[in-house]
Amino acid sequence: MINEVIHGAHRLDAWLREKLGRPYGVLLGAGLVLGIIASVKTLIHTAETTPDVLKVVAAIAFQVALLINQLAQFHEFREERKARKAARRG
């Protein structure tokens, strides 16, 4: 079931990129930036408000992993954008 959902999401993403083009890309970029900002805020809030040290460490580790993943996605998004621009130029 998970594989079907993942494959369907991939196909939908490809279709949206093809049909909507740049507006879809702008939406994705904005969403990634907002997600990164939210992750940083959650990380700070968790560190400041959770009294249990083990829970803080676990929550911070989880949030850091998500933040790393989001930053990697943003990097991939920017690299794909650069490649598309270079391909259009020549």
Protein backbone atom coordinates (compact mmCIF):
# COMPACT_ATOMS: atom_id res chain seq x y z
CA MET A 1 0.00 0.00 0.00
CA ILE A 2 2.79 2.45 0.92
CA ASN A 3 4.54 1.72 -2.39
CA GLU A 4 1.36 2.53 -4.30
CA VAL A 5 0.95 5.82 -2.46
CA ILE A 6 4.59 6.76 -3.05
CA HIS A 7 4.41 5.83 -6.74
CA GLY A 8 1.14 7.75 -7.13
CA ALA A 9 2.64 10.82 -5.45
CA HIS A 10 5.64 10.63 -7.78
CA ARG A 11 3.41 10.44 -10.85
CA LEU A 12 1.25 13.31 -9.58
CA ASP A 13 4.35 15.42 -8.89
CA ALA A 14 5.66 14.79 -12.42
CA TRP A 15 2.26 15.66 -13.90
CA LEU A 16 2.03 18.88 -11.87
CA ARG A 17 5.56 19.87 -12.92
CA GLU A 18 4.64 19.28 -16.55
CA LYS A 19 1.25 21.00 -16.48
CA LEU A 20 1.87 23.87 -14.07
CA GLY A 21 5.60 24.39 -14.58
CA ARG A 22 7.07 27.43 -12.88
CA PRO A 23 4.09 28.24 -10.58
CA TYR A 24 4.32 24.72 -9.17
CA GLY A 25 8.07 25.15 -8.68
CA VAL A 26 7.58 28.45 -6.91
CA LEU A 27 4.98 26.85 -4.66
CA LEU A 28 7.35 23.98 -3.84
CA GLY A 29 10.22 26.34 -3.10
CA ALA A 30 8.08 28.50 -0.84
CA GLY A 31 6.75 25.42 0.92
CA LEU A 32 10.25 24.10 1.55
CA VAL A 33 11.44 27.44 2.95
CA LEU A 34 8.38 27.69 5.22
CA GLY A 35 8.87 24.09 6.33
CA ILE A 36 12.51 24.75 7.19
CA ILE A 37 11.56 27.84 9.20
CA ALA A 38 8.86 25.87 11.03
CA SER A 39 11.34 23.08 11.82
CA VAL A 40 13.82 25.52 13.30
CA LYS A 41 11.08 27.17 15.39
CA THR A 42 9.85 23.77 16.62
CA LEU A 43 13.39 22.77 17.49
CA ILE A 44 13.92 25.94 19.54
CA HIS A 45 10.52 25.66 21.22
CA THR A 46 11.11 22.01 22.14
CA ALA A 47 14.51 22.78 23.63
CA GLU A 48 13.10 25.67 25.67
CA THR A 49 9.87 24.13 26.98
CA THR A 50 10.44 20.42 27.59
CA PRO A 51 11.67 19.67 31.12
CA ASP A 52 12.49 15.97 30.58
CA VAL A 53 16.05 15.71 29.23
CA LEU A 54 15.46 12.40 27.42
CA LYS A 55 12.37 13.75 25.69
CA VAL A 56 14.27 16.87 24.67
CA VAL A 57 17.15 14.85 23.24
CA ALA A 58 14.76 12.56 21.34
CA ALA A 59 12.67 15.45 20.03
CA ILE A 60 15.73 17.44 19.02
CA ALA A 61 17.27 14.43 17.25
CA PHE A 62 14.02 13.90 15.35
CA GLN A 63 13.68 17.58 14.43
CA VAL A 64 17.33 17.81 13.35
CA ALA A 65 16.87 14.78 11.09
CA LEU A 66 13.78 16.37 9.53
CA LEU A 67 15.60 19.68 9.12
CA ILE A 68 18.54 17.99 7.41
CA ASN A 69 16.12 16.24 5.06
CA GLN A 70 14.31 19.50 4.25
CA LEU A 71 17.57 21.31 3.59
CA ALA A 72 18.67 18.48 1.30
CA GLN A 73 15.35 18.69 -0.57
CA PHE A 74 15.78 22.44 -0.92
CA HIS A 75 19.29 21.91 -2.28
CA GLU A 76 17.99 19.37 -4.82
CA PHE A 77 15.19 21.77 -5.78
CA ARG A 78 17.68 24.58 -6.41
CA GLU A 79 20.03 22.32 -8.37
CA GLU A 80 17.16 21.12 -10.59
CA ARG A 81 16.17 24.74 -11.16
CA LYS A 82 19.73 25.69 -12.14
CA ALA A 83 19.89 22.74 -14.52
CA ARG A 84 16.61 23.73 -16.19
CA LYS A 85 17.83 27.31 -16.61
CA ALA A 86 21.11 26.11 -18.11
CA ALA A 87 19.24 23.82 -20.50
CA ARG A 88 17.04 26.70 -21.68
CA ARG A 89 20.09 28.88 -22.32
CA GLY A 90 21.74 26.51 -24.58
